[in-house]
Amino acid sequence: AKTVLLALFLSPASVSKDLKRFAQSGFVFEEGWENSFEALLKKVLVVSPLVSELVFKPQGAKVLEWAEDVATWSFQRVIPAHFAVARRAGPKNFLEAFEFLRKNGGEVSAGAKSNFAAGAMPTIPGTLKEDYDVLSTIARIAFGNK
């Protein structure tokens, strides 16, 4: 479970930033990591935060258009690029994984560039904004504070 969080977020909030502890024990997870992992388990499909923040958000409207097109197909399973193969999921589940591309009012987000100055916002409900800190830093370097 901890490896999944580390892989998805690069440095979730619950990973100790104490370099002395890291040198002695490797990655040390503080209490609370279970909350973000539980949030991941509740979703049928998720878009990796790494992909959502650095690949999909900058092209939000185009990606959402593609996801909506795929959601018109008739299917009962999705084969993800990582983790379990052949997840039972239909068009509704598929489209739900891309809801982070919409603003609260349901309209398509113009793109993530405007969000990078304030930091990345969680794309998986229930995960912490702090889980996205490393991704926010990478995004600001890549895309600037626009």
Protein backbone atom coordinates (compact mmCIF):
# COMPACT_ATOMS: atom_id res chain seq x y z
CA ALA A 1 0.00 0.00 0.00
CA LYS A 2 2.76 2.44 0.90
CA THR A 3 4.61 1.69 -2.34
CA VAL A 4 1.46 2.49 -4.33
CA LEU A 5 1.16 5.88 -2.62
CA LEU A 6 4.83 6.62 -3.23
CA ALA A 7 4.56 5.64 -6.89
CA LEU A 8 1.42 7.70 -7.52
CA PHE A 9 2.39 10.86 -5.69
CA LEU A 10 6.23 10.65 -5.68
CA SER A 11 6.20 11.98 -2.12
CA PRO A 12 2.87 11.75 -0.31
CA ALA A 13 2.40 14.01 2.71
CA SER A 14 2.85 11.09 5.09
CA VAL A 15 6.44 10.37 3.99
CA SER A 16 8.90 11.76 6.52
CA LYS A 17 11.06 14.54 5.10
CA ASP A 18 13.70 13.88 7.77
CA LEU A 19 16.82 13.09 5.74
CA LYS A 20 18.60 11.56 8.75
CA ARG A 21 15.75 9.04 9.19
CA PHE A 22 15.79 8.39 5.44
CA ALA A 23 19.54 7.68 5.51
CA GLN A 24 19.00 5.18 8.33
CA SER A 25 15.77 3.49 7.26
CA GLY A 26 14.81 4.54 3.75
CA PHE A 27 11.34 5.99 3.29
CA VAL A 28 9.56 6.33 6.62
CA PHE A 29 5.81 6.81 6.58
CA GLU A 30 4.21 8.86 9.34
CA GLU A 31 0.75 8.08 10.71
CA GLY A 32 -2.09 9.01 8.41
CA TRP A 33 -0.90 7.40 5.16
CA GLU A 34 -3.84 5.02 5.42
CA ASN A 35 -6.32 7.84 4.71
CA SER A 36 -4.96 8.56 1.23
CA PHE A 37 -4.68 4.85 0.47
CA GLU A 38 -8.31 4.27 1.54
CA ALA A 39 -9.38 7.11 -0.78
CA LEU A 40 -7.65 5.33 -3.66
CA LEU A 41 -9.39 2.06 -2.86
CA LYS A 42 -12.85 3.67 -3.04
CA LYS A 43 -12.45 4.51 -6.73
CA VAL A 44 -13.08 1.93 -9.45
CA LEU A 45 -10.63 3.71 -11.76
CA VAL A 46 -8.17 6.52 -11.05
CA VAL A 47 -5.92 8.64 -13.19
CA SER A 48 -2.50 8.67 -11.60
CA PRO A 49 -1.83 12.07 -10.00
CA LEU A 50 1.47 12.17 -11.88
CA VAL A 51 -0.38 11.85 -15.21
CA SER A 52 -3.30 14.09 -14.19
CA GLU A 53 -1.08 16.95 -13.03
CA LEU A 54 1.68 16.92 -15.62
CA VAL A 55 0.04 15.48 -18.73
CA PHE A 56 -3.75 15.75 -18.72
CA LYS A 57 -4.49 19.03 -16.90
CA PRO A 58 -2.51 21.27 -19.28
CA GLN A 59 -4.67 19.87 -22.11
CA GLY A 60 -7.84 19.52 -20.02
CA ALA A 61 -10.48 20.29 -22.64
CA LYS A 62 -8.95 17.95 -25.23
CA VAL A 63 -8.50 15.11 -22.74
CA LEU A 64 -12.06 15.48 -21.44
CA GLU A 65 -13.41 15.47 -24.99
CA TRP A 66 -11.52 12.22 -25.61
CA ALA A 67 -12.78 10.68 -22.33
CA GLU A 68 -16.37 11.63 -23.18
CA ASP A 69 -15.97 10.04 -26.61
CA VAL A 70 -14.63 6.81 -25.09
CA ALA A 71 -17.53 6.84 -22.60
CA THR A 72 -19.98 6.52 -25.53
CA TRP A 73 -18.59 3.05 -26.27
CA SER A 74 -20.16 -0.07 -24.79
CA PHE A 75 -17.71 -1.88 -22.50
CA GLN A 76 -17.70 -3.68 -19.16
CA ARG A 77 -13.96 -3.84 -18.46
CA VAL A 78 -10.98 -1.51 -18.59
CA ILE A 79 -7.41 -2.74 -18.80
CA PRO A 80 -5.31 -0.12 -17.03
CA ALA A 81 -1.64 0.53 -17.72
CA HIS A 82 -0.71 -0.39 -14.14
CA PHE A 83 -2.04 -2.35 -11.17
CA ALA A 84 -4.80 -4.95 -11.54
CA VAL A 85 -5.69 -6.02 -15.05
CA ALA A 86 -9.21 -6.09 -16.53
CA ARG A 87 -11.06 -3.98 -13.96
CA ARG A 88 -14.84 -4.29 -14.03
CA ALA A 89 -15.75 -0.81 -15.17
CA GLY A 90 -18.13 0.71 -17.65
CA PRO A 91 -18.38 4.05 -19.41
CA LYS A 92 -19.67 5.84 -16.28
CA ASN A 93 -16.70 4.63 -14.18
CA PHE A 94 -14.30 5.62 -16.94
CA LEU A 95 -15.68 9.15 -17.17
CA GLU A 96 -15.68 9.54 -13.36
CA ALA A 97 -11.90 9.07 -13.39
CA PHE A 98 -11.62 12.28 -15.44
CA GLU A 99 -13.93 14.48 -13.36
CA PHE A 100 -10.91 16.35 -12.01
CA LEU A 101 -10.82 18.14 -15.39
CA ARG A 102 -14.10 19.90 -14.58
CA LYS A 103 -14.57 22.87 -12.31
CA ASN A 104 -17.10 22.62 -9.47
CA GLY A 105 -19.86 23.97 -11.71
CA GLY A 106 -19.36 21.15 -14.20
CA GLU A 107 -17.75 23.27 -16.91
CA VAL A 108 -14.48 22.19 -18.46
CA SER A 109 -11.42 23.57 -16.74
CA ALA A 110 -9.33 25.83 -18.99
CA GLY A 111 -6.23 23.86 -18.03
CA ALA A 112 -4.05 23.42 -15.01
CA LYS A 113 -1.57 26.18 -15.67
CA SER A 114 -3.61 28.67 -13.65
CA ASN A 115 -3.67 26.22 -10.72
CA PHE A 116 0.08 25.66 -10.52
CA ALA A 117 0.85 28.94 -8.77
CA ALA A 118 -1.46 27.91 -5.92
CA GLY A 119 -0.35 24.29 -6.01
CA ALA A 120 -1.95 21.20 -7.44
CA MET A 121 -5.35 20.24 -6.12
CA PRO A 122 -6.25 16.62 -5.38
CA THR A 123 -7.59 14.78 -8.40
CA ILE A 124 -8.69 11.81 -6.30
CA PRO A 125 -11.39 12.68 -3.75
CA GLY A 126 -10.25 12.03 -0.20
CA THR A 127 -6.53 12.41 -0.87
CA LEU A 128 -4.66 15.33 0.65
CA LYS A 129 -3.57 18.51 -1.11
CA GLU A 130 -0.20 17.97 0.58
CA ASP A 131 0.18 14.65 -1.26
CA TYR A 132 0.57 16.70 -4.44
CA ASP A 133 3.36 19.03 -3.21
CA VAL A 134 6.15 17.43 -5.24
CA LEU A 135 3.97 17.34 -8.35
CA SER A 136 3.08 21.02 -7.82
CA THR A 137 6.75 21.92 -7.68
CA ILE A 138 7.50 19.98 -10.87
CA ALA A 139 4.52 21.56 -12.62
CA ARG A 140 5.57 25.10 -11.60
CA ILE A 141 9.07 24.45 -12.97
CA ALA A 142 7.70 22.95 -16.20
CA PHE A 143 4.83 25.35 -16.85
CA GLY A 144 5.65 28.44 -14.78
CA ASN A 145 3.38 30.38 -12.42
CA LYS A 146 0.72 31.18 -14.99
